Amino acid sequence: MTALSGAHSIGLSQCSNFLSRLYRFNSSHPQDPTLDSKFANFLKKKCPENAINSADLDAVTPYHNPEVWIKDFAEAMVHLRNLDVLTGTKGEIRNKCGAVN
């Protein structure tokens, strides 16, 4: 199921989209204090202060070989297909993914 989680990884972003949160948040906090400090350090290594590049923001997905990920993802989808789907009053479509209605 890690492959399915990897399908929802953060992906890429232009450094310019978040540089201000890393280096120029406000006059009393150069770095946004709500950012996880380990993740902020990870981003700073990828995006120096005046960066114009894009950065891979996924620090945790273990896939570095796209072919392995595709194979694992396909196997996970077949596994999901074989699960019984709850329908009608037995199932539920959640309004918020992380909470039961």
PDB file of N, CA and C in Angstrom:
ATOM      1  N   MET A   1       0.817  -1.198   0.000  1.00  0.00           N
ATOM      2  CA  MET A   1       0.000   0.000   0.000  1.00  0.00           C
ATOM      3  C   MET A   1       0.861   1.263   0.000  1.00  0.00           C
ATOM      4  N   THR A   2       2.149   1.096   0.244  1.00  0.00           N
ATOM      5  CA  THR A   2       3.035   2.255   0.180  1.00  0.00           C
ATOM      6  C   THR A   2       2.998   2.894  -1.197  1.00  0.00           C
ATOM      7  N   ALA A   3       2.860   2.069  -2.223  1.00  0.00           N
ATOM      8  CA  ALA A   3       2.800   2.607  -3.587  1.00  0.00           C
ATOM      9  C   ALA A   3       1.590   3.500  -3.766  1.00  0.00           C
ATOM     10  N   LEU A   4       0.461   3.123  -3.169  1.00  0.00           N
ATOM     11  CA  LEU A   4      -0.729   3.967  -3.271  1.00  0.00           C
ATOM     12  C   LEU A   4      -0.523   5.279  -2.532  1.00  0.00           C
ATOM     13  N   SER A   5       0.126   5.214  -1.378  1.00  0.00           N
ATOM     14  CA  SER A   5       0.424   6.451  -0.647  1.00  0.00           C
ATOM     15  C   SER A   5       1.348   7.332  -1.468  1.00  0.00           C
ATOM     16  N   GLY A   6       2.303   6.713  -2.142  1.00  0.00           N
ATOM     17  CA  GLY A   6       3.226   7.456  -2.978  1.00  0.00           C
ATOM     18  C   GLY A   6       2.529   8.177  -4.112  1.00  0.00           C
ATOM     19  N   ALA A   7       1.401   7.650  -4.546  1.00  0.00           N
ATOM     20  CA  ALA A   7       0.640   8.301  -5.610  1.00  0.00           C
ATOM     21  C   ALA A   7       0.067   9.621  -5.131  1.00  0.00           C
ATOM     22  N   HIS A   8       0.010   9.804  -3.841  1.00  0.00           N
ATOM     23  CA  HIS A   8      -0.519  11.041  -3.269  1.00  0.00           C
ATOM     24  C   HIS A   8       0.575  11.898  -2.642  1.00  0.00           C
ATOM     25  N   SER A   9       1.820  11.662  -3.056  1.00  0.00           N
ATOM     26  CA  SER A   9       2.906  12.455  -2.491  1.00  0.00           C
ATOM     27  C   SER A   9       2.803  13.894  -2.970  1.00  0.00           C
ATOM     28  N   ILE A  10       3.553  14.738  -2.344  1.00  0.00           N
ATOM     29  CA  ILE A  10       3.445  16.172  -2.580  1.00  0.00           C
ATOM     30  C   ILE A  10       3.938  16.561  -3.967  1.00  0.00           C
ATOM     31  N   GLY A  11       5.017  15.985  -4.423  1.00  0.00           N
ATOM     32  CA  GLY A  11       5.503  16.255  -5.762  1.00  0.00           C
ATOM     33  C   GLY A  11       6.494  17.387  -5.843  1.00  0.00           C
ATOM     34  N   LEU A  12       6.412  18.168  -6.906  1.00  0.00           N
ATOM     35  CA  LEU A  12       7.351  19.256  -7.179  1.00  0.00           C
ATOM     36  C   LEU A  12       6.682  20.614  -7.013  1.00  0.00           C
ATOM     37  N   SER A  13       7.499  21.594  -6.668  1.00  0.00           N
ATOM     38  CA  SER A  13       7.014  22.968  -6.612  1.00  0.00           C
ATOM     39  C   SER A  13       8.166  23.901  -6.927  1.00  0.00           C
ATOM     40  N   GLN A  14       7.844  25.038  -7.481  1.00  0.00           N
ATOM     41  CA  GLN A  14       8.850  26.073  -7.669  1.00  0.00           C
ATOM     42  C   GLN A  14       9.254  26.602  -6.301  1.00  0.00           C
ATOM     43  N   CYS A  15      10.539  26.735  -6.051  1.00  0.00           N
ATOM     44  CA  CYS A  15      11.017  27.242  -4.763  1.00  0.00           C
ATOM     45  C   CYS A  15      10.387  28.597  -4.439  1.00  0.00           C
ATOM     46  N   SER A  16      10.144  29.397  -5.453  1.00  0.00           N
ATOM     47  CA  SER A  16       9.580  30.728  -5.223  1.00  0.00           C
ATOM     48  C   SER A  16       8.212  30.679  -4.541  1.00  0.00           C
ATOM     49  N   ASN A  17       7.541  29.527  -4.607  1.00  0.00           N
ATOM     50  CA  ASN A  17       6.229  29.405  -3.964  1.00  0.00           C
ATOM     51  C   ASN A  17       6.300  29.395  -2.440  1.00  0.00           C
ATOM     52  N   PHE A  18       7.454  29.060  -1.877  1.00  0.00           N
ATOM     53  CA  PHE A  18       7.539  28.967  -0.420  1.00  0.00           C
ATOM     54  C   PHE A  18       8.802  29.582   0.183  1.00  0.00           C
ATOM     55  N   LEU A  19       9.639  30.231  -0.626  1.00  0.00           N
ATOM     56  CA  LEU A  19      10.866  30.839  -0.096  1.00  0.00           C
ATOM     57  C   LEU A  19      10.590  31.834   1.024  1.00  0.00           C
ATOM     58  N   SER A  20       9.529  32.612   0.892  1.00  0.00           N
ATOM     59  CA  SER A  20       9.245  33.612   1.928  1.00  0.00           C
ATOM     60  C   SER A  20       8.959  32.951   3.275  1.00  0.00           C
ATOM     61  N   ARG A  21       8.389  31.766   3.274  1.00  0.00           N
ATOM     62  CA  ARG A  21       8.118  31.065   4.537  1.00  0.00           C
ATOM     63  C   ARG A  21       9.401  30.496   5.150  1.00  0.00           C
ATOM     64  N   LEU A  22      10.421  30.294   4.319  1.00  0.00           N
ATOM     65  CA  LEU A  22      11.691  29.762   4.817  1.00  0.00           C
ATOM     66  C   LEU A  22      12.656  30.852   5.272  1.00  0.00           C
ATOM     67  N   TYR A  23      12.642  32.006   4.596  1.00  0.00           N
ATOM     68  CA  TYR A  23      13.677  33.013   4.829  1.00  0.00           C
ATOM     69  C   TYR A  23      13.159  34.396   5.222  1.00  0.00           C
ATOM     70  N   ARG A  24      11.953  34.767   4.835  1.00  0.00           N
ATOM     71  CA  ARG A  24      11.469  36.128   5.062  1.00  0.00           C
ATOM     72  C   ARG A  24      10.021  36.128   5.531  1.00  0.00           C
ATOM     73  N   PHE A  25       9.709  35.346   6.568  1.00  0.00           N
ATOM     74  CA  PHE A  25       8.315  35.213   6.978  1.00  0.00           C
ATOM     75  C   PHE A  25       7.758  36.523   7.516  1.00  0.00           C
ATOM     76  N   ASN A  26       8.396  37.075   8.548  1.00  0.00           N
ATOM     77  CA  ASN A  26       8.015  38.404   9.054  1.00  0.00           C
ATOM     78  C   ASN A  26       9.193  38.999   9.814  1.00  0.00           C
ATOM     79  N   SER A  27       9.018  40.184  10.358  1.00  0.00           N
ATOM     80  CA  SER A  27      10.143  40.888  10.991  1.00  0.00           C
ATOM     81  C   SER A  27      10.654  40.192  12.242  1.00  0.00           C
ATOM     82  N   SER A  28       9.824  39.447  12.935  1.00  0.00           N
ATOM     83  CA  SER A  28      10.288  38.773  14.151  1.00  0.00           C
ATOM     84  C   SER A  28      10.649  37.299  13.934  1.00  0.00           C
ATOM     85  N   HIS A  29      10.216  36.725  12.822  1.00  0.00           N
ATOM     86  CA  HIS A  29      10.520  35.326  12.520  1.00  0.00           C
ATOM     87  C   HIS A  29      10.945  35.184  11.057  1.00  0.00           C
ATOM     88  N   PRO A  30      12.234  35.020  10.807  1.00  0.00           N
ATOM     89  CA  PRO A  30      12.652  34.808   9.412  1.00  0.00           C
ATOM     90  C   PRO A  30      11.991  33.566   8.805  1.00  0.00           C
ATOM     91  N   GLN A  31      11.857  32.509   9.608  1.00  0.00           N
ATOM     92  CA  GLN A  31      11.209  31.272   9.148  1.00  0.00           C
ATOM     93  C   GLN A  31       9.832  31.153   9.782  1.00  0.00           C
ATOM     94  N   ASP A  32       8.872  30.727   9.008  1.00  0.00           N
ATOM     95  CA  ASP A  32       7.511  30.525   9.510  1.00  0.00           C
ATOM     96  C   ASP A  32       7.546  29.546  10.684  1.00  0.00           C
ATOM     97  N   PRO A  33       7.154  29.976  11.884  1.00  0.00           N
ATOM     98  CA  PRO A  33       7.220  29.103  13.052  1.00  0.00           C
ATOM     99  C   PRO A  33       6.245  27.926  12.995  1.00  0.00           C
ATOM    100  N   THR A  34       5.290  27.952  12.090  1.00  0.00           N
ATOM    101  CA  THR A  34       4.360  26.819  11.979  1.00  0.00           C
ATOM    102  C   THR A  34       4.929  25.690  11.123  1.00  0.00           C
ATOM    103  N   LEU A  35       6.034  25.941  10.414  1.00  0.00           N
ATOM    104  CA  LEU A  35       6.668  24.890   9.615  1.00  0.00           C
ATOM    105  C   LEU A  35       7.415  23.926  10.518  1.00  0.00           C
ATOM    106  N   ASP A  36       7.290  22.651  10.248  1.00  0.00           N
ATOM    107  CA  ASP A  36       8.090  21.653  10.948  1.00  0.00           C
ATOM    108  C   ASP A  36       9.563  21.961  10.676  1.00  0.00           C
ATOM    109  N   SER A  37      10.368  22.052  11.721  1.00  0.00           N
ATOM    110  CA  SER A  37      11.761  22.487  11.559  1.00  0.00           C
ATOM    111  C   SER A  37      12.583  21.514  10.715  1.00  0.00           C
ATOM    112  N   LYS A  38      12.344  20.220  10.837  1.00  0.00           N
ATOM    113  CA  LYS A  38      13.087  19.249  10.017  1.00  0.00           C
ATOM    114  C   LYS A  38      12.717  19.401   8.538  1.00  0.00           C
ATOM    115  N   PHE A  39      11.433  19.605   8.279  1.00  0.00           N
ATOM    116  CA  PHE A  39      11.002  19.783   6.892  1.00  0.00           C
ATOM    117  C   PHE A  39      11.539  21.101   6.333  1.00  0.00           C
ATOM    118  N   ALA A  40      11.550  22.148   7.149  1.00  0.00           N
ATOM    119  CA  ALA A  40      12.088  23.435   6.708  1.00  0.00           C
ATOM    120  C   ALA A  40      13.569  23.297   6.355  1.00  0.00           C
ATOM    121  N   ASN A  41      14.336  22.584   7.168  1.00  0.00           N
ATOM    122  CA  ASN A  41      15.761  22.366   6.870  1.00  0.00           C
ATOM    123  C   ASN A  41      15.932  21.564   5.584  1.00  0.00           C
ATOM    124  N   PHE A  42      15.067  20.566   5.381  1.00  0.00           N
ATOM    125  CA  PHE A  42      15.068  19.774   4.153  1.00  0.00           C
ATOM    126  C   PHE A  42      14.835  20.694   2.946  1.00  0.00           C
ATOM    127  N   LEU A  43      13.858  21.597   3.054  1.00  0.00           N
ATOM    128  CA  LEU A  43      13.560  22.519   1.957  1.00  0.00           C
ATOM    129  C   LEU A  43      14.688  23.510   1.719  1.00  0.00           C
ATOM    130  N   LYS A  44      15.305  23.985   2.792  1.00  0.00           N
ATOM    131  CA  LYS A  44      16.406  24.947   2.650  1.00  0.00           C
ATOM    132  C   LYS A  44      17.585  24.342   1.887  1.00  0.00           C
ATOM    133  N   LYS A  45      17.811  23.038   2.052  1.00  0.00           N
ATOM    134  CA  LYS A  45      18.892  22.379   1.315  1.00  0.00           C
ATOM    135  C   LYS A  45      18.573  22.339  -0.179  1.00  0.00           C
ATOM    136  N   LYS A  46      17.304  22.234  -0.519  1.00  0.00           N
ATOM    137  CA  LYS A  46      16.901  22.161  -1.916  1.00  0.00           C
ATOM    138  C   LYS A  46      16.719  23.544  -2.537  1.00  0.00           C
ATOM    139  N   CYS A  47      16.389  24.524  -1.690  1.00  0.00           N
ATOM    140  CA  CYS A  47      16.097  25.867  -2.177  1.00  0.00           C
ATOM    141  C   CYS A  47      16.857  26.912  -1.375  1.00  0.00           C
ATOM    142  N   PRO A  48      18.049  27.282  -1.825  1.00  0.00           N
ATOM    143  CA  PRO A  48      18.758  28.371  -1.151  1.00  0.00           C
ATOM    144  C   PRO A  48      17.940  29.656  -1.236  1.00  0.00           C
ATOM    145  N   GLU A  49      18.351  30.647  -0.504  1.00  0.00           N
ATOM    146  CA  GLU A  49      17.542  31.855  -0.342  1.00  0.00           C
ATOM    147  C   GLU A  49      17.100  32.520  -1.639  1.00  0.00           C
ATOM    148  N   ASN A  50      17.929  32.532  -2.654  1.00  0.00           N
ATOM    149  CA  ASN A  50      17.565  33.189  -3.916  1.00  0.00           C
ATOM    150  C   ASN A  50      17.311  32.182  -5.039  1.00  0.00           C
ATOM    151  N   ALA A  51      16.837  31.010  -4.699  1.00  0.00           N
ATOM    152  CA  ALA A  51      16.650  29.931  -5.674  1.00  0.00           C
ATOM    153  C   ALA A  51      15.602  30.280  -6.723  1.00  0.00           C
ATOM    154  N   ILE A  52      15.851  29.817  -7.936  1.00  0.00           N
ATOM    155  CA  ILE A  52      14.872  29.968  -9.013  1.00  0.00           C
ATOM    156  C   ILE A  52      14.469  28.587  -9.573  1.00  0.00           C
ATOM    157  N   ASN A  53      14.947  27.536  -8.937  1.00  0.00           N
ATOM    158  CA  ASN A  53      14.674  26.179  -9.399  1.00  0.00           C
ATOM    159  C   ASN A  53      13.399  25.616  -8.783  1.00  0.00           C
ATOM    160  N   SER A  54      13.069  24.404  -9.163  1.00  0.00           N
ATOM    161  CA  SER A  54      11.970  23.690  -8.521  1.00  0.00           C
ATOM    162  C   SER A  54      12.576  22.652  -7.591  1.00  0.00           C
ATOM    163  N   ALA A  55      11.763  22.163  -6.662  1.00  0.00           N
ATOM    164  CA  ALA A  55      12.266  21.218  -5.670  1.00  0.00           C
ATOM    165  C   ALA A  55      11.295  20.056  -5.501  1.00  0.00           C
ATOM    166  N   ASP A  56      11.855  18.869  -5.340  1.00  0.00           N
ATOM    167  CA  ASP A  56      11.080  17.686  -4.998  1.00  0.00           C
ATOM    168  C   ASP A  56      10.757  17.802  -3.516  1.00  0.00           C
ATOM    169  N   LEU A  57       9.476  17.890  -3.188  1.00  0.00           N
ATOM    170  CA  LEU A  57       9.075  18.151  -1.805  1.00  0.00           C
ATOM    171  C   LEU A  57       8.811  16.897  -0.989  1.00  0.00           C
ATOM    172  N   ASP A  58       8.928  15.752  -1.590  1.00  0.00           N
ATOM    173  CA  ASP A  58       8.603  14.503  -0.899  1.00  0.00           C
ATOM    174  C   ASP A  58       9.843  13.971  -0.196  1.00  0.00           C
ATOM    175  N   ALA A  59       9.870  14.110   1.109  1.00  0.00           N
ATOM    176  CA  ALA A  59      11.027  13.678   1.892  1.00  0.00           C
ATOM    177  C   ALA A  59      10.913  12.240   2.379  1.00  0.00           C
ATOM    178  N   VAL A  60       9.758  11.607   2.189  1.00  0.00           N
ATOM    179  CA  VAL A  60       9.562  10.306   2.834  1.00  0.00           C
ATOM    180  C   VAL A  60       9.203   9.142   1.922  1.00  0.00           C
ATOM    181  N   THR A  61       8.685   9.368   0.731  1.00  0.00           N
ATOM    182  CA  THR A  61       8.300   8.255  -0.122  1.00  0.00           C
ATOM    183  C   THR A  61       9.549   7.478  -0.524  1.00  0.00           C
ATOM    184  N   PRO A  62       9.551   6.170  -0.309  1.00  0.00           N
ATOM    185  CA  PRO A  62      10.774   5.391  -0.513  1.00  0.00           C
ATOM    186  C   PRO A  62      11.081   5.039  -1.966  1.00  0.00           C
ATOM    187  N   TYR A  63      10.309   5.508  -2.919  1.00  0.00           N
ATOM    188  CA  TYR A  63      10.507   5.102  -4.306  1.00  0.00           C
ATOM    189  C   TYR A  63      11.449   6.039  -5.032  1.00  0.00           C
ATOM    190  N   HIS A  64      12.530   5.471  -5.541  1.00  0.00           N
ATOM    191  CA  HIS A  64      13.472   6.242  -6.340  1.00  0.00           C
ATOM    192  C   HIS A  64      13.520   5.709  -7.767  1.00  0.00           C
ATOM    193  N   ASN A  65      12.935   4.539  -7.978  1.00  0.00           N
ATOM    194  CA  ASN A  65      12.905   3.921  -9.292  1.00  0.00           C
ATOM    195  C   ASN A  65      11.458   3.909  -9.791  1.00  0.00           C
ATOM    196  N   PRO A  66      11.131   4.736 -10.778  1.00  0.00           N
ATOM    197  CA  PRO A  66       9.745   4.818 -11.249  1.00  0.00           C
ATOM    198  C   PRO A  66       9.177   3.477 -11.719  1.00  0.00           C
ATOM    199  N   GLU A  67      10.022   2.632 -12.315  1.00  0.00           N
ATOM    200  CA  GLU A  67       9.534   1.333 -12.797  1.00  0.00           C
ATOM    201  C   GLU A  67       9.083   0.444 -11.641  1.00  0.00           C
ATOM    202  N   VAL A  68       9.825   0.456 -10.535  1.00  0.00           N
ATOM    203  CA  VAL A  68       9.437  -0.328  -9.357  1.00  0.00           C
ATOM    204  C   VAL A  68       8.138   0.219  -8.785  1.00  0.00           C
ATOM    205  N   TRP A  69       8.023   1.555  -8.728  1.00  0.00           N
ATOM    206  CA  TRP A  69       6.798   2.155  -8.200  1.00  0.00           C
ATOM    207  C   TRP A  69       5.589   1.775  -9.058  1.00  0.00           C
ATOM    208  N   ILE A  70       5.731   1.836 -10.375  1.00  0.00           N
ATOM    209  CA  ILE A  70       4.622   1.494 -11.273  1.00  0.00           C
ATOM    210  C   ILE A  70       4.185   0.050 -11.047  1.00  0.00           C
ATOM    211  N   LYS A  71       5.147  -0.869 -10.927  1.00  0.00           N
ATOM    212  CA  LYS A  71       4.828  -2.280 -10.685  1.00  0.00           C
ATOM    213  C   LYS A  71       4.095  -2.436  -9.352  1.00  0.00           C
ATOM    214  N   ASP A  72       4.633  -1.833  -8.292  1.00  0.00           N
ATOM    215  CA  ASP A  72       4.001  -1.933  -6.967  1.00  0.00           C
ATOM    216  C   ASP A  72       2.619  -1.284  -6.956  1.00  0.00           C
ATOM    217  N   PHE A  73       2.483  -0.161  -7.643  1.00  0.00           N
ATOM    218  CA  PHE A  73       1.201   0.524  -7.705  1.00  0.00           C
ATOM    219  C   PHE A  73       0.164  -0.357  -8.392  1.00  0.00           C
ATOM    220  N   ALA A  74       0.543  -0.972  -9.505  1.00  0.00           N
ATOM    221  CA  ALA A  74      -0.378  -1.853 -10.228  1.00  0.00           C
ATOM    222  C   ALA A  74      -0.816  -3.022  -9.352  1.00  0.00           C
ATOM    223  N   GLU A  75       0.119  -3.619  -8.621  1.00  0.00           N
ATOM    224  CA  GLU A  75      -0.226  -4.728  -7.730  1.00  0.00           C
ATOM    225  C   GLU A  75      -1.186  -4.272  -6.628  1.00  0.00           C
ATOM    226  N   ALA A  76      -0.961  -3.086  -6.091  1.00  0.00           N
ATOM    227  CA  ALA A  76      -1.840  -2.562  -5.038  1.00  0.00           C
ATOM    228  C   ALA A  76      -3.241  -2.297  -5.577  1.00  0.00           C
ATOM    229  N   MET A  77      -3.339  -1.807  -6.813  1.00  0.00           N
ATOM    230  CA  MET A  77      -4.654  -1.557  -7.404  1.00  0.00           C
ATOM    231  C   MET A  77      -5.417  -2.867  -7.625  1.00  0.00           C
ATOM    232  N   VAL A  78      -4.712  -3.920  -8.042  1.00  0.00           N
ATOM    233  CA  VAL A  78      -5.359  -5.226  -8.202  1.00  0.00           C
ATOM    234  C   VAL A  78      -5.851  -5.721  -6.843  1.00  0.00           C
ATOM    235  N   HIS A  79      -5.036  -5.543  -5.824  1.00  0.00           N
ATOM    236  CA  HIS A  79      -5.436  -5.943  -4.471  1.00  0.00           C
ATOM    237  C   HIS A  79      -6.704  -5.186  -4.049  1.00  0.00           C
ATOM    238  N   LEU A  80      -6.750  -3.894  -4.283  1.00  0.00           N
ATOM    239  CA  LEU A  80      -7.933  -3.104  -3.922  1.00  0.00           C
ATOM    240  C   LEU A  80      -9.170  -3.543  -4.704  1.00  0.00           C
ATOM    241  N   ARG A  81      -8.962  -3.897  -5.967  1.00  0.00           N
ATOM    242  CA  ARG A  81     -10.087  -4.339  -6.791  1.00  0.00           C
ATOM    243  C   ARG A  81     -10.740  -5.589  -6.200  1.00  0.00           C
ATOM    244  N   ASN A  82      -9.954  -6.421  -5.543  1.00  0.00           N
ATOM    245  CA  ASN A  82     -10.468  -7.670  -4.989  1.00  0.00           C
ATOM    246  C   ASN A  82     -11.135  -7.504  -3.625  1.00  0.00           C
ATOM    247  N   LEU A  83     -11.108  -6.316  -3.065  1.00  0.00           N
ATOM    248  CA  LEU A  83     -11.778  -6.078  -1.789  1.00  0.00           C
ATOM    249  C   LEU A  83     -13.271  -5.890  -2.018  1.00  0.00           C
ATOM    250  N   ASP A  84     -14.061  -6.295  -1.066  1.00  0.00           N
ATOM    251  CA  ASP A  84     -15.502  -6.071  -1.171  1.00  0.00           C
ATOM    252  C   ASP A  84     -15.805  -4.601  -0.930  1.00  0.00           C
ATOM    253  N   VAL A  85     -16.541  -4.017  -1.844  1.00  0.00           N
ATOM    254  CA  VAL A  85     -16.924  -2.614  -1.723  1.00  0.00           C
ATOM    255  C   VAL A  85     -18.255  -2.528  -0.992  1.00  0.00           C
ATOM    256  N   LEU A  86     -18.327  -1.662  -0.003  1.00  0.00           N
ATOM    257  CA  LEU A  86     -19.585  -1.444   0.706  1.00  0.00           C
ATOM    258  C   LEU A  86     -20.449  -0.511  -0.120  1.00  0.00           C
ATOM    259  N   THR A  87     -21.681  -0.916  -0.350  1.00  0.00           N
ATOM    260  CA  THR A  87     -22.585  -0.103  -1.162  1.00  0.00           C
ATOM    261  C   THR A  87     -23.864   0.173  -0.396  1.00  0.00           C
ATOM    262  N   GLY A  88     -24.643   1.109  -0.914  1.00  0.00           N
ATOM    263  CA  GLY A  88     -25.927   1.442  -0.297  1.00  0.00           C
ATOM    264  C   GLY A  88     -25.754   1.925   1.133  1.00  0.00           C
ATOM    265  N   THR A  89     -26.602   1.422   2.030  1.00  0.00           N
ATOM    266  CA  THR A  89     -26.548   1.862   3.433  1.00  0.00           C
ATOM    267  C   THR A  89     -25.389   1.220   4.201  1.00  0.00           C
ATOM    268  N   LYS A  90     -24.688   0.255   3.597  1.00  0.00           N
ATOM    269  CA  LYS A  90     -23.545  -0.385   4.266  1.00  0.00           C
ATOM    270  C   LYS A  90     -22.273   0.461   4.130  1.00  0.00           C
ATOM    271  N   GLY A  91     -22.237   1.308   3.129  1.00  0.00           N
ATOM    272  CA  GLY A  91     -21.050   2.114   2.885  1.00  0.00           C
ATOM    273  C   GLY A  91     -21.269   3.569   3.245  1.00  0.00           C
ATOM    274  N   GLU A  92     -20.242   4.365   3.056  1.00  0.00           N
ATOM    275  CA  GLU A  92     -20.316   5.787   3.373  1.00  0.00           C
ATOM    276  C   GLU A  92     -19.359   6.556   2.486  1.00  0.00           C
ATOM    277  N   ILE A  93     -19.814   7.652   1.911  1.00  0.00           N
ATOM    278  CA  ILE A  93     -18.933   8.585   1.219  1.00  0.00           C
ATOM    279  C   ILE A  93     -18.644   9.698   2.211  1.00  0.00           C
ATOM    280  N   ARG A  94     -17.389   9.820   2.589  1.00  0.00           N
ATOM    281  CA  ARG A  94     -17.027  10.794   3.619  1.00  0.00           C
ATOM    282  C   ARG A  94     -16.982  12.211   3.069  1.00  0.00           C
ATOM    283  N   ASN A  95     -17.482  13.140   3.879  1.00  0.00           N
ATOM    284  CA  ASN A  95     -17.392  14.555   3.531  1.00  0.00           C
ATOM    285  C   ASN A  95     -15.965  15.049   3.681  1.00  0.00           C
ATOM    286  N   LYS A  96     -15.250  14.522   4.684  1.00  0.00           N
ATOM    287  CA  LYS A  96     -13.838  14.822   4.925  1.00  0.00           C
ATOM    288  C   LYS A  96     -13.130  13.477   5.046  1.00  0.00           C
ATOM    289  N   CYS A  97     -12.095  13.273   4.267  1.00  0.00           N
ATOM    290  CA  CYS A  97     -11.426  11.965   4.222  1.00  0.00           C
ATOM    291  C   CYS A  97     -10.989  11.460   5.590  1.00  0.00           C
ATOM    292  N   GLY A  98     -10.536  12.345   6.460  1.00  0.00           N
ATOM    293  CA  GLY A  98      -9.987  11.937   7.742  1.00  0.00           C
ATOM    294  C   GLY A  98     -10.993  11.810   8.867  1.00  0.00           C
ATOM    295  N   ALA A  99     -12.280  11.910   8.568  1.00  0.00           N
ATOM    296  CA  ALA A  99     -13.282  11.864   9.642  1.00  0.00           C
ATOM    297  C   ALA A  99     -14.540  11.140   9.177  1.00  0.00           C
ATOM    298  N   VAL A 100     -15.101  10.363  10.090  1.00  0.00           N
ATOM    299  CA  VAL A 100     -16.372   9.704   9.807  1.00  0.00           C
ATOM    300  C   VAL A 100     -17.455  10.763   9.839  1.00  0.00           C
ATOM    301  N   ASN A 101     -18.423  10.678   8.933  1.00  0.00           N
ATOM    302  CA  ASN A 101     -19.513  11.661   8.884  1.00  0.00           C
ATOM    303  C   ASN A 101     -20.314  11.673  10.177  1.00  0.00           C
TER     304      ASN A 101
END
